[in-house]
Amino acid sequence: MTEYSNPRIPDGINVSHTHPLADFARLLGGILVVVAVAVGALALLAGYLAKYVPFESERAIAERFVGSLAQPGPEPVAAYLDALTQRIAAAHDLPPGMKITVHYVPGDTVNAFATLGGHIAIYEGLMRKMPNENALAMVISHEIAHVRQRHPISSMGRVLVIGVALTAVSATAGGDVVGQVLGPAGLLTMMSFSRDQERAADAEALDALVKVYGHAGGAADTFRTLQQATAGKARPPELFSTHPLDADRIAAIESTVAERGWATSGELAAYPAAVAAALAAAGKNDESR
């Protein structure tokens, strides 16, 4: 007959050599890392899938809020800006049903942005800074490229996923993010694009610019003017906050021009006299306020 014995358990076998709070901190840290990776993956997936949302649906979303962009401005400027934008849009070979609507925004802010539904905004301050039509056309072409490549809807998809994920940590914080994105200000101005998206938009913009003018000279003027606008200023133009212009990006632009064999200079178009006069008058009004 087999005999069994119950051995004595050694002292301290179930006692951790580290403080319980340290174990908890490690566990919590691991969970947060997993959550962060999961949210990042979902955000990337959402950004990728969002571009398959029908453009008609995207435009319908924007139409509810785009009224805040419509601001009165000098008639010669608004009409000229619309005509120039449509001329450049035609060079982008937009897919069927995609329409570009440009909005002139008064004031001395140096900015431009693309948002949902093919809407782009060009600020008066930016137009006054540009030395010629070609330079302005490069900015417009860049924003049209963002629309054509569905960057605004992709950006919104990423931010929404992050906002929803934040609700698991803080309902208030997550709700604020989602509310800001889905509200008028978010849909119209909170879009941010990756470096790859900016470079892709630059390449397409350059191609359209050359189709319209026969050379890429306006691009050089655009970036040279914007760089000069930052000289000696603590706060750069608003355009840099959404379209960062670093050395690598400028080098990529120059490389694209060289690879395609495009001319870097040529005849530059001036603003029509009535448009130049209206912009100058608007600038004086801004200074007097």
C-alpha atoms as a PDB file:
ATOM      1  CA  MET A   1       0.000   0.000   0.000  1.00  0.00           C
ATOM      2  CA  THR A   2       1.410   3.341  -1.082  1.00  0.00           C
ATOM      3  CA  GLU A   3       1.777   5.977   1.567  1.00  0.00           C
ATOM      4  CA  TYR A   4       1.278   9.672   0.779  1.00  0.00           C
ATOM      5  CA  SER A   5       2.553  12.560   2.764  1.00  0.00           C
ATOM      6  CA  ASN A   6       1.694  16.236   2.684  1.00  0.00           C
ATOM      7  CA  PRO A   7       5.031  18.090   2.551  1.00  0.00           C
ATOM      8  CA  ARG A   8       5.380  21.414   4.238  1.00  0.00           C
ATOM      9  CA  ILE A   9       5.207  24.367   1.847  1.00  0.00           C
ATOM     10  CA  PRO A  10       8.340  26.490   1.996  1.00  0.00           C
ATOM     11  CA  ASP A  11       7.979  29.912   3.550  1.00  0.00           C
ATOM     12  CA  GLY A  12       7.528  32.852   1.147  1.00  0.00           C
ATOM     13  CA  ILE A  13       6.752  30.762  -1.951  1.00  0.00           C
ATOM     14  CA  ASN A  14       3.775  32.967  -2.869  1.00  0.00           C
ATOM     15  CA  VAL A  15       5.365  36.235  -1.828  1.00  0.00           C
ATOM     16  CA  SER A  16       6.547  38.571  -4.603  1.00  0.00           C
ATOM     17  CA  HIS A  17       9.971  40.131  -4.239  1.00  0.00           C
ATOM     18  CA  THR A  18       8.698  43.352  -5.806  1.00  0.00           C
ATOM     19  CA  HIS A  19       6.150  45.855  -4.529  1.00  0.00           C
ATOM     20  CA  PRO A  20       2.585  45.123  -5.701  1.00  0.00           C
ATOM     21  CA  LEU A  21       2.330  48.648  -7.131  1.00  0.00           C
ATOM     22  CA  ALA A  22       5.365  47.980  -9.313  1.00  0.00           C
ATOM     23  CA  ASP A  23       3.734  44.837 -10.690  1.00  0.00           C
ATOM     24  CA  PHE A  24       0.530  46.792 -11.304  1.00  0.00           C
ATOM     25  CA  ALA A  25       2.434  49.580 -13.072  1.00  0.00           C
ATOM     26  CA  ARG A  26       4.106  47.081 -15.400  1.00  0.00           C
ATOM     27  CA  LEU A  27       0.784  45.407 -16.143  1.00  0.00           C
ATOM     28  CA  LEU A  28      -0.907  48.739 -16.792  1.00  0.00           C
ATOM     29  CA  GLY A  29       1.964  49.867 -18.985  1.00  0.00           C
ATOM     30  CA  GLY A  30       1.725  46.701 -21.050  1.00  0.00           C
ATOM     31  CA  ILE A  31      -2.024  47.163 -21.491  1.00  0.00           C
ATOM     32  CA  LEU A  32      -1.557  50.778 -22.577  1.00  0.00           C
ATOM     33  CA  VAL A  33       1.069  49.767 -25.129  1.00  0.00           C
ATOM     34  CA  VAL A  34      -1.266  47.132 -26.575  1.00  0.00           C
ATOM     35  CA  VAL A  35      -4.143  49.628 -26.687  1.00  0.00           C
ATOM     36  CA  ALA A  36      -1.947  52.292 -28.339  1.00  0.00           C
ATOM     37  CA  VAL A  37      -0.780  49.832 -31.003  1.00  0.00           C
ATOM     38  CA  ALA A  38      -4.347  48.669 -31.615  1.00  0.00           C
ATOM     39  CA  VAL A  39      -5.669  52.223 -31.907  1.00  0.00           C
ATOM     40  CA  GLY A  40      -2.818  53.164 -34.242  1.00  0.00           C
ATOM     41  CA  ALA A  41      -3.552  50.173 -36.454  1.00  0.00           C
ATOM     42  CA  LEU A  42      -7.268  50.981 -36.509  1.00  0.00           C
ATOM     43  CA  ALA A  43      -6.549  54.633 -37.328  1.00  0.00           C
ATOM     44  CA  LEU A  44      -4.362  53.627 -40.257  1.00  0.00           C
ATOM     45  CA  LEU A  45      -7.010  51.188 -41.478  1.00  0.00           C
ATOM     46  CA  ALA A  46      -9.748  53.799 -41.110  1.00  0.00           C
ATOM     47  CA  GLY A  47      -7.670  56.327 -43.030  1.00  0.00           C
ATOM     48  CA  TYR A  48      -7.139  53.796 -45.810  1.00  0.00           C
ATOM     49  CA  LEU A  49     -10.775  52.688 -46.042  1.00  0.00           C
ATOM     50  CA  ALA A  50     -12.242  56.197 -45.741  1.00  0.00           C
ATOM     51  CA  LYS A  51     -11.115  57.098 -49.250  1.00  0.00           C
ATOM     52  CA  TYR A  52     -13.573  54.523 -50.572  1.00  0.00           C
ATOM     53  CA  VAL A  53     -16.491  56.523 -49.186  1.00  0.00           C
ATOM     54  CA  PRO A  54     -18.400  57.816 -52.245  1.00  0.00           C
ATOM     55  CA  PHE A  55     -17.454  61.385 -53.012  1.00  0.00           C
ATOM     56  CA  GLU A  56     -21.146  62.300 -53.164  1.00  0.00           C
ATOM     57  CA  SER A  57     -21.517  61.223 -49.527  1.00  0.00           C
ATOM     58  CA  GLU A  58     -18.444  63.187 -48.510  1.00  0.00           C
ATOM     59  CA  ARG A  59     -19.786  66.290 -50.220  1.00  0.00           C
ATOM     60  CA  ALA A  60     -23.177  65.851 -48.553  1.00  0.00           C
ATOM     61  CA  ILE A  61     -21.461  65.877 -45.136  1.00  0.00           C
ATOM     62  CA  ALA A  62     -19.544  69.048 -45.971  1.00  0.00           C
ATOM     63  CA  GLU A  63     -22.570  70.882 -47.362  1.00  0.00           C
ATOM     64  CA  ARG A  64     -24.092  71.093 -43.875  1.00  0.00           C
ATOM     65  CA  PHE A  65     -21.203  73.216 -42.627  1.00  0.00           C
ATOM     66  CA  VAL A  66     -19.546  74.807 -45.640  1.00  0.00           C
ATOM     67  CA  GLY A  67     -21.724  77.908 -45.344  1.00  0.00           C
ATOM     68  CA  SER A  68     -19.307  79.244 -42.740  1.00  0.00           C
ATOM     69  CA  LEU A  69     -16.640  79.485 -45.455  1.00  0.00           C
ATOM     70  CA  ALA A  70     -18.731  81.678 -47.725  1.00  0.00           C
ATOM     71  CA  GLN A  71     -17.624  85.215 -46.909  1.00  0.00           C
ATOM     72  CA  PRO A  72     -18.092  88.322 -49.014  1.00  0.00           C
ATOM     73  CA  GLY A  73     -15.079  89.704 -50.784  1.00  0.00           C
ATOM     74  CA  PRO A  74     -14.178  91.988 -53.698  1.00  0.00           C
ATOM     75  CA  GLU A  75     -16.098  90.707 -56.733  1.00  0.00           C
ATOM     76  CA  PRO A  76     -13.118  90.879 -59.144  1.00  0.00           C
ATOM     77  CA  VAL A  77     -11.049  88.740 -56.767  1.00  0.00           C
ATOM     78  CA  ALA A  78     -13.703  86.091 -56.130  1.00  0.00           C
ATOM     79  CA  ALA A  79     -14.545  85.735 -59.822  1.00  0.00           C
ATOM     80  CA  TYR A  80     -10.866  85.560 -60.807  1.00  0.00           C
ATOM     81  CA  LEU A  81     -10.096  83.010 -58.101  1.00  0.00           C
ATOM     82  CA  ASP A  82     -12.964  80.776 -59.203  1.00  0.00           C
ATOM     83  CA  ALA A  83     -11.954  80.928 -62.872  1.00  0.00           C
ATOM     84  CA  LEU A  84      -8.308  80.179 -62.066  1.00  0.00           C
ATOM     85  CA  THR A  85      -9.267  77.293 -59.801  1.00  0.00           C
ATOM     86  CA  GLN A  86     -11.472  75.671 -62.442  1.00  0.00           C
ATOM     87  CA  ARG A  87      -8.717  76.083 -65.023  1.00  0.00           C
ATOM     88  CA  ILE A  88      -6.248  74.298 -62.750  1.00  0.00           C
ATOM     89  CA  ALA A  89      -8.783  71.641 -61.734  1.00  0.00           C
ATOM     90  CA  ALA A  90      -9.237  70.720 -65.409  1.00  0.00           C
ATOM     91  CA  ALA A  91      -5.510  69.887 -65.553  1.00  0.00           C
ATOM     92  CA  HIS A  92      -5.865  67.431 -62.661  1.00  0.00           C
ATOM     93  CA  ASP A  93      -8.077  65.010 -64.600  1.00  0.00           C
ATOM     94  CA  LEU A  94     -10.538  64.695 -61.724  1.00  0.00           C
ATOM     95  CA  PRO A  95     -12.680  61.550 -61.563  1.00  0.00           C
ATOM     96  CA  PRO A  96     -16.329  61.776 -62.708  1.00  0.00           C
ATOM     97  CA  GLY A  97     -18.539  63.560 -60.198  1.00  0.00           C
ATOM     98  CA  MET A  98     -15.683  65.258 -58.333  1.00  0.00           C
ATOM     99  CA  LYS A  99     -16.179  69.009 -58.209  1.00  0.00           C
ATOM    100  CA  ILE A 100     -13.880  71.660 -56.765  1.00  0.00           C
ATOM    101  CA  THR A 101     -15.388  74.685 -55.041  1.00  0.00           C
ATOM    102  CA  VAL A 102     -13.059  77.506 -54.011  1.00  0.00           C
ATOM    103  CA  HIS A 103     -13.816  79.988 -51.238  1.00  0.00           C
ATOM    104  CA  TYR A 104     -12.146  83.375 -50.871  1.00  0.00           C
ATOM    105  CA  VAL A 105     -11.532  84.233 -47.202  1.00  0.00           C
ATOM    106  CA  PRO A 106     -10.909  87.938 -46.393  1.00  0.00           C
ATOM    107  CA  GLY A 107      -8.261  89.003 -43.892  1.00  0.00           C
ATOM    108  CA  ASP A 108      -4.485  89.108 -43.652  1.00  0.00           C
ATOM    109  CA  THR A 109      -3.989  85.455 -42.660  1.00  0.00           C
ATOM    110  CA  VAL A 110      -1.518  83.639 -44.923  1.00  0.00           C
ATOM    111  CA  ASN A 111      -3.233  80.286 -45.340  1.00  0.00           C
ATOM    112  CA  ALA A 112      -5.016  77.848 -47.632  1.00  0.00           C
ATOM    113  CA  PHE A 113      -6.579  74.467 -46.984  1.00  0.00           C
ATOM    114  CA  ALA A 114      -8.592  71.658 -48.529  1.00  0.00           C
ATOM    115  CA  THR A 115     -11.494  70.060 -46.714  1.00  0.00           C
ATOM    116  CA  LEU A 116     -14.279  67.570 -47.322  1.00  0.00           C
ATOM    117  CA  GLY A 117     -16.388  67.490 -50.453  1.00  0.00           C
ATOM    118  CA  GLY A 118     -13.964  69.255 -52.777  1.00  0.00           C
ATOM    119  CA  HIS A 119     -14.054  72.563 -50.923  1.00  0.00           C
ATOM    120  CA  ILE A 120     -10.829  74.567 -50.737  1.00  0.00           C
ATOM    121  CA  ALA A 121     -10.212  77.907 -49.031  1.00  0.00           C
ATOM    122  CA  ILE A 122      -7.726  80.538 -50.193  1.00  0.00           C
ATOM    123  CA  TYR A 123      -7.061  83.436 -47.847  1.00  0.00           C
ATOM    124  CA  GLU A 124      -6.692  87.015 -48.995  1.00  0.00           C
ATOM    125  CA  GLY A 125      -3.428  87.318 -47.050  1.00  0.00           C
ATOM    126  CA  LEU A 126      -1.952  84.456 -49.078  1.00  0.00           C
ATOM    127  CA  MET A 127      -3.020  86.020 -52.370  1.00  0.00           C
ATOM    128  CA  ARG A 128      -1.366  89.303 -51.409  1.00  0.00           C
ATOM    129  CA  LYS A 129       1.890  87.491 -50.589  1.00  0.00           C
ATOM    130  CA  MET A 130       2.113  85.641 -53.907  1.00  0.00           C
ATOM    131  CA  PRO A 131       4.248  87.562 -56.437  1.00  0.00           C
ATOM    132  CA  ASN A 132       2.391  86.267 -59.496  1.00  0.00           C
ATOM    133  CA  GLU A 133      -0.460  84.082 -60.692  1.00  0.00           C
ATOM    134  CA  ASN A 134       1.810  81.068 -61.189  1.00  0.00           C
ATOM    135  CA  ALA A 135       2.781  81.056 -57.518  1.00  0.00           C
ATOM    136  CA  LEU A 136      -0.862  81.262 -56.456  1.00  0.00           C
ATOM    137  CA  ALA A 137      -1.741  78.531 -58.936  1.00  0.00           C
ATOM    138  CA  MET A 138       0.775  76.196 -57.276  1.00  0.00           C
ATOM    139  CA  VAL A 139      -0.982  76.610 -53.927  1.00  0.00           C
ATOM    140  CA  ILE A 140      -4.410  76.050 -55.485  1.00  0.00           C
ATOM    141  CA  SER A 141      -3.105  73.048 -57.421  1.00  0.00           C
ATOM    142  CA  HIS A 142      -1.689  71.552 -54.228  1.00  0.00           C
ATOM    143  CA  GLU A 143      -5.031  71.827 -52.436  1.00  0.00           C
ATOM    144  CA  ILE A 144      -6.870  70.313 -55.424  1.00  0.00           C
ATOM    145  CA  ALA A 145      -4.408  67.412 -55.337  1.00  0.00           C
ATOM    146  CA  HIS A 146      -5.341  66.746 -51.693  1.00  0.00           C
ATOM    147  CA  VAL A 147      -8.998  66.564 -52.722  1.00  0.00           C
ATOM    148  CA  ARG A 148      -8.351  64.313 -55.718  1.00  0.00           C
ATOM    149  CA  GLN A 149      -6.324  61.886 -53.601  1.00  0.00           C
ATOM    150  CA  ARG A 150      -9.074  61.885 -50.916  1.00  0.00           C
ATOM    151  CA  HIS A 151      -6.730  63.084 -48.189  1.00  0.00           C
ATOM    152  CA  PRO A 152      -9.378  65.088 -46.236  1.00  0.00           C
ATOM    153  CA  ILE A 153     -11.726  62.120 -45.752  1.00  0.00           C
ATOM    154  CA  SER A 154      -8.771  59.874 -44.848  1.00  0.00           C
ATOM    155  CA  SER A 155      -7.593  62.399 -42.269  1.00  0.00           C
ATOM    156  CA  MET A 156     -11.043  62.618 -40.728  1.00  0.00           C
ATOM    157  CA  GLY A 157     -11.282  58.820 -40.539  1.00  0.00           C
ATOM    158  CA  ARG A 158      -8.042  58.571 -38.575  1.00  0.00           C
ATOM    159  CA  VAL A 159      -8.995  61.279 -36.092  1.00  0.00           C
ATOM    160  CA  LEU A 160     -12.456  59.823 -35.501  1.00  0.00           C
ATOM    161  CA  VAL A 161     -11.009  56.419 -34.584  1.00  0.00           C
ATOM    162  CA  ILE A 162      -8.626  58.038 -32.101  1.00  0.00           C
ATOM    163  CA  GLY A 163     -11.487  60.064 -30.606  1.00  0.00           C
ATOM    164  CA  VAL A 164     -13.702  57.015 -30.182  1.00  0.00           C
ATOM    165  CA  ALA A 165     -10.824  55.088 -28.605  1.00  0.00           C
ATOM    166  CA  LEU A 166     -10.222  57.927 -26.138  1.00  0.00           C
ATOM    167  CA  THR A 167     -13.762  57.530 -24.829  1.00  0.00           C
ATOM    168  CA  ALA A 168     -12.609  54.288 -23.232  1.00  0.00           C
ATOM    169  CA  VAL A 169     -10.215  56.331 -21.092  1.00  0.00           C
ATOM    170  CA  SER A 170     -12.227  59.522 -20.755  1.00  0.00           C
ATOM    171  CA  ALA A 171     -15.690  60.012 -22.147  1.00  0.00           C
ATOM    172  CA  THR A 172     -15.185  63.774 -21.999  1.00  0.00           C
ATOM    173  CA  ALA A 173     -11.851  63.769 -23.848  1.00  0.00           C
ATOM    174  CA  GLY A 174     -13.056  61.341 -26.493  1.00  0.00           C
ATOM    175  CA  GLY A 175     -16.312  63.205 -26.940  1.00  0.00           C
ATOM    176  CA  ASP A 176     -14.449  66.485 -27.351  1.00  0.00           C
ATOM    177  CA  VAL A 177     -12.265  65.038 -30.103  1.00  0.00           C
ATOM    178  CA  VAL A 178     -15.207  63.514 -31.971  1.00  0.00           C
ATOM    179  CA  GLY A 179     -17.248  66.692 -31.544  1.00  0.00           C
ATOM    180  CA  GLN A 180     -14.456  68.877 -32.870  1.00  0.00           C
ATOM    181  CA  VAL A 181     -13.991  66.679 -35.924  1.00  0.00           C
ATOM    182  CA  LEU A 182     -17.689  66.416 -36.751  1.00  0.00           C
ATOM    183  CA  GLY A 183     -18.397  70.074 -35.985  1.00  0.00           C
ATOM    184  CA  PRO A 184     -18.067  72.867 -38.545  1.00  0.00           C
ATOM    185  CA  ALA A 185     -14.591  73.903 -37.405  1.00  0.00           C
ATOM    186  CA  GLY A 186     -13.274  70.363 -37.562  1.00  0.00           C
ATOM    187  CA  LEU A 187     -14.716  69.479 -40.938  1.00  0.00           C
ATOM    188  CA  LEU A 188     -13.420  72.691 -42.435  1.00  0.00           C
ATOM    189  CA  THR A 189     -10.097  73.437 -40.786  1.00  0.00           C
ATOM    190  CA  MET A 190      -8.816  70.557 -38.635  1.00  0.00           C
ATOM    191  CA  MET A 191      -7.500  68.389 -41.456  1.00  0.00           C
ATOM    192  CA  SER A 192      -3.853  67.449 -41.108  1.00  0.00           C
ATOM    193  CA  PHE A 193      -1.911  65.473 -43.660  1.00  0.00           C
ATOM    194  CA  SER A 194       1.139  63.228 -43.389  1.00  0.00           C
ATOM    195  CA  ARG A 195       4.477  64.011 -44.985  1.00  0.00           C
ATOM    196  CA  ASP A 196       3.830  61.350 -47.609  1.00  0.00           C
ATOM    197  CA  GLN A 197       0.463  62.920 -48.421  1.00  0.00           C
ATOM    198  CA  GLU A 198       2.038  66.363 -48.692  1.00  0.00           C
ATOM    199  CA  ARG A 199       4.710  65.084 -51.059  1.00  0.00           C
ATOM    200  CA  ALA A 200       2.153  63.210 -53.168  1.00  0.00           C
ATOM    201  CA  ALA A 201       0.082  66.401 -53.406  1.00  0.00           C
ATOM    202  CA  ASP A 202       3.203  68.380 -54.353  1.00  0.00           C
ATOM    203  CA  ALA A 203       4.022  65.965 -57.191  1.00  0.00           C
ATOM    204  CA  GLU A 204       0.496  66.075 -58.621  1.00  0.00           C
ATOM    205  CA  ALA A 205       0.317  69.846 -58.188  1.00  0.00           C
ATOM    206  CA  LEU A 206       3.547  70.311 -60.123  1.00  0.00           C
ATOM    207  CA  ASP A 207       2.261  68.127 -62.951  1.00  0.00           C
ATOM    208  CA  ALA A 208      -0.939  70.179 -63.260  1.00  0.00           C
ATOM    209  CA  LEU A 209       1.008  73.454 -63.019  1.00  0.00           C
ATOM    210  CA  VAL A 210       3.224  72.440 -65.941  1.00  0.00           C
ATOM    211  CA  LYS A 211       0.162  71.431 -67.982  1.00  0.00           C
ATOM    212  CA  VAL A 212      -1.349  74.896 -67.467  1.00  0.00           C
ATOM    213  CA  TYR A 213       1.736  77.109 -67.859  1.00  0.00           C
ATOM    214  CA  GLY A 214       4.319  74.918 -69.596  1.00  0.00           C
ATOM    215  CA  HIS A 215       6.880  75.194 -66.793  1.00  0.00           C
ATOM    216  CA  ALA A 216       7.227  74.792 -63.004  1.00  0.00           C
ATOM    217  CA  GLY A 217       8.477  78.295 -62.284  1.00  0.00           C
ATOM    218  CA  GLY A 218       5.518  79.182 -60.093  1.00  0.00           C
ATOM    219  CA  ALA A 219       6.389  76.443 -57.631  1.00  0.00           C
ATOM    220  CA  ALA A 220       9.796  77.931 -56.910  1.00  0.00           C
ATOM    221  CA  ASP A 221       8.246  81.366 -56.405  1.00  0.00           C
ATOM    222  CA  THR A 222       5.624  79.929 -54.048  1.00  0.00           C
ATOM    223  CA  PHE A 223       8.080  78.307 -51.690  1.00  0.00           C
ATOM    224  CA  ARG A 224      10.607  81.116 -51.905  1.00  0.00           C
ATOM    225  CA  THR A 225       7.914  83.638 -50.968  1.00  0.00           C
ATOM    226  CA  LEU A 226       6.655  81.554 -48.057  1.00  0.00           C
ATOM    227  CA  GLN A 227      10.176  81.081 -46.721  1.00  0.00           C
ATOM    228  CA  GLN A 228      10.782  84.826 -46.879  1.00  0.00           C
ATOM    229  CA  ALA A 229       7.516  85.390 -44.998  1.00  0.00           C
ATOM    230  CA  THR A 230       8.927  83.448 -42.042  1.00  0.00           C
ATOM    231  CA  ALA A 231      12.209  85.337 -41.856  1.00  0.00           C
ATOM    232  CA  GLY A 232      12.587  87.043 -38.496  1.00  0.00           C
ATOM    233  CA  LYS A 233       9.104  86.111 -37.343  1.00  0.00           C
ATOM    234  CA  ALA A 234       8.419  84.097 -34.197  1.00  0.00           C
ATOM    235  CA  ARG A 235       5.148  82.874 -35.656  1.00  0.00           C
ATOM    236  CA  PRO A 236       5.258  81.562 -39.236  1.00  0.00           C
ATOM    237  CA  PRO A 237       2.305  81.800 -41.637  1.00  0.00           C
ATOM    238  CA  GLU A 238      -0.678  79.602 -40.771  1.00  0.00           C
ATOM    239  CA  LEU A 239      -0.036  77.647 -43.962  1.00  0.00           C
ATOM    240  CA  PHE A 240       3.021  76.058 -42.341  1.00  0.00           C
ATOM    241  CA  SER A 241       0.960  74.563 -39.513  1.00  0.00           C
ATOM    242  CA  THR A 242      -0.941  72.319 -41.929  1.00  0.00           C
ATOM    243  CA  HIS A 243       1.611  72.174 -44.744  1.00  0.00           C
ATOM    244  CA  PRO A 244       5.061  72.011 -43.090  1.00  0.00           C
ATOM    245  CA  LEU A 245       7.769  73.059 -45.548  1.00  0.00           C
ATOM    246  CA  ASP A 246      10.992  71.356 -44.486  1.00  0.00           C
ATOM    247  CA  ALA A 247      14.262  70.859 -46.357  1.00  0.00           C
ATOM    248  CA  ASP A 248      13.409  67.274 -47.312  1.00  0.00           C
ATOM    249  CA  ARG A 249      10.119  68.312 -48.861  1.00  0.00           C
ATOM    250  CA  ILE A 250      11.714  71.098 -50.861  1.00  0.00           C
ATOM    251  CA  ALA A 251      14.392  68.663 -52.038  1.00  0.00           C
ATOM    252  CA  ALA A 252      11.680  66.196 -53.095  1.00  0.00           C
ATOM    253  CA  ILE A 253       9.978  68.932 -55.132  1.00  0.00           C
ATOM    254  CA  GLU A 254      13.243  69.853 -56.847  1.00  0.00           C
ATOM    255  CA  SER A 255      13.963  66.179 -57.507  1.00  0.00           C
ATOM    256  CA  THR A 256      10.543  65.659 -59.107  1.00  0.00           C
ATOM    257  CA  VAL A 257      11.055  68.642 -61.410  1.00  0.00           C
ATOM    258  CA  ALA A 258      14.503  67.368 -62.426  1.00  0.00           C
ATOM    259  CA  GLU A 259      13.318  63.783 -62.995  1.00  0.00           C
ATOM    260  CA  ARG A 260      10.444  64.906 -65.230  1.00  0.00           C
ATOM    261  CA  GLY A 261      12.695  67.281 -67.146  1.00  0.00           C
ATOM    262  CA  TRP A 262      10.387  70.231 -66.557  1.00  0.00           C
ATOM    263  CA  ALA A 263      11.559  73.767 -67.117  1.00  0.00           C
ATOM    264  CA  THR A 264      12.027  75.642 -63.860  1.00  0.00           C
ATOM    265  CA  SER A 265      11.390  79.066 -65.310  1.00  0.00           C
ATOM    266  CA  GLY A 266       9.262  80.687 -67.983  1.00  0.00           C
ATOM    267  CA  GLU A 267       6.796  83.480 -68.553  1.00  0.00           C
ATOM    268  CA  LEU A 268       5.019  84.394 -65.332  1.00  0.00           C
ATOM    269  CA  ALA A 269       1.453  85.680 -65.380  1.00  0.00           C
ATOM    270  CA  ALA A 270       0.570  88.767 -63.354  1.00  0.00           C
ATOM    271  CA  TYR A 271      -2.697  89.270 -61.521  1.00  0.00           C
ATOM    272  CA  PRO A 272      -5.251  91.135 -63.639  1.00  0.00           C
ATOM    273  CA  ALA A 273      -5.109  94.876 -62.873  1.00  0.00           C
ATOM    274  CA  ALA A 274      -8.587  94.920 -61.290  1.00  0.00           C
ATOM    275  CA  VAL A 275      -7.690  91.995 -59.012  1.00  0.00           C
ATOM    276  CA  ALA A 276      -4.371  93.536 -57.959  1.00  0.00           C
ATOM    277  CA  ALA A 277      -6.094  96.833 -57.151  1.00  0.00           C
ATOM    278  CA  ALA A 278      -8.836  95.106 -55.133  1.00  0.00           C
ATOM    279  CA  LEU A 279      -6.291  93.128 -53.120  1.00  0.00           C
ATOM    280  CA  ALA A 280      -4.251  96.260 -52.414  1.00  0.00           C
ATOM    281  CA  ALA A 281      -7.346  98.104 -51.230  1.00  0.00           C
ATOM    282  CA  ALA A 282      -8.377  95.175 -49.034  1.00  0.00           C
ATOM    283  CA  GLY A 283      -4.898  95.090 -47.529  1.00  0.00           C
ATOM    284  CA  LYS A 284      -5.122  98.777 -46.572  1.00  0.00           C
ATOM    285  CA  ASN A 285      -8.506  98.161 -44.961  1.00  0.00           C
ATOM    286  CA  ASP A 286      -7.055  95.281 -42.936  1.00  0.00           C
ATOM    287  CA  GLU A 287      -4.200  97.475 -41.711  1.00  0.00           C
ATOM    288  CA  SER A 288      -6.567 100.237 -40.619  1.00  0.00           C
ATOM    289  CA  ARG A 289      -8.654  97.933 -38.420  1.00  0.00           C
END
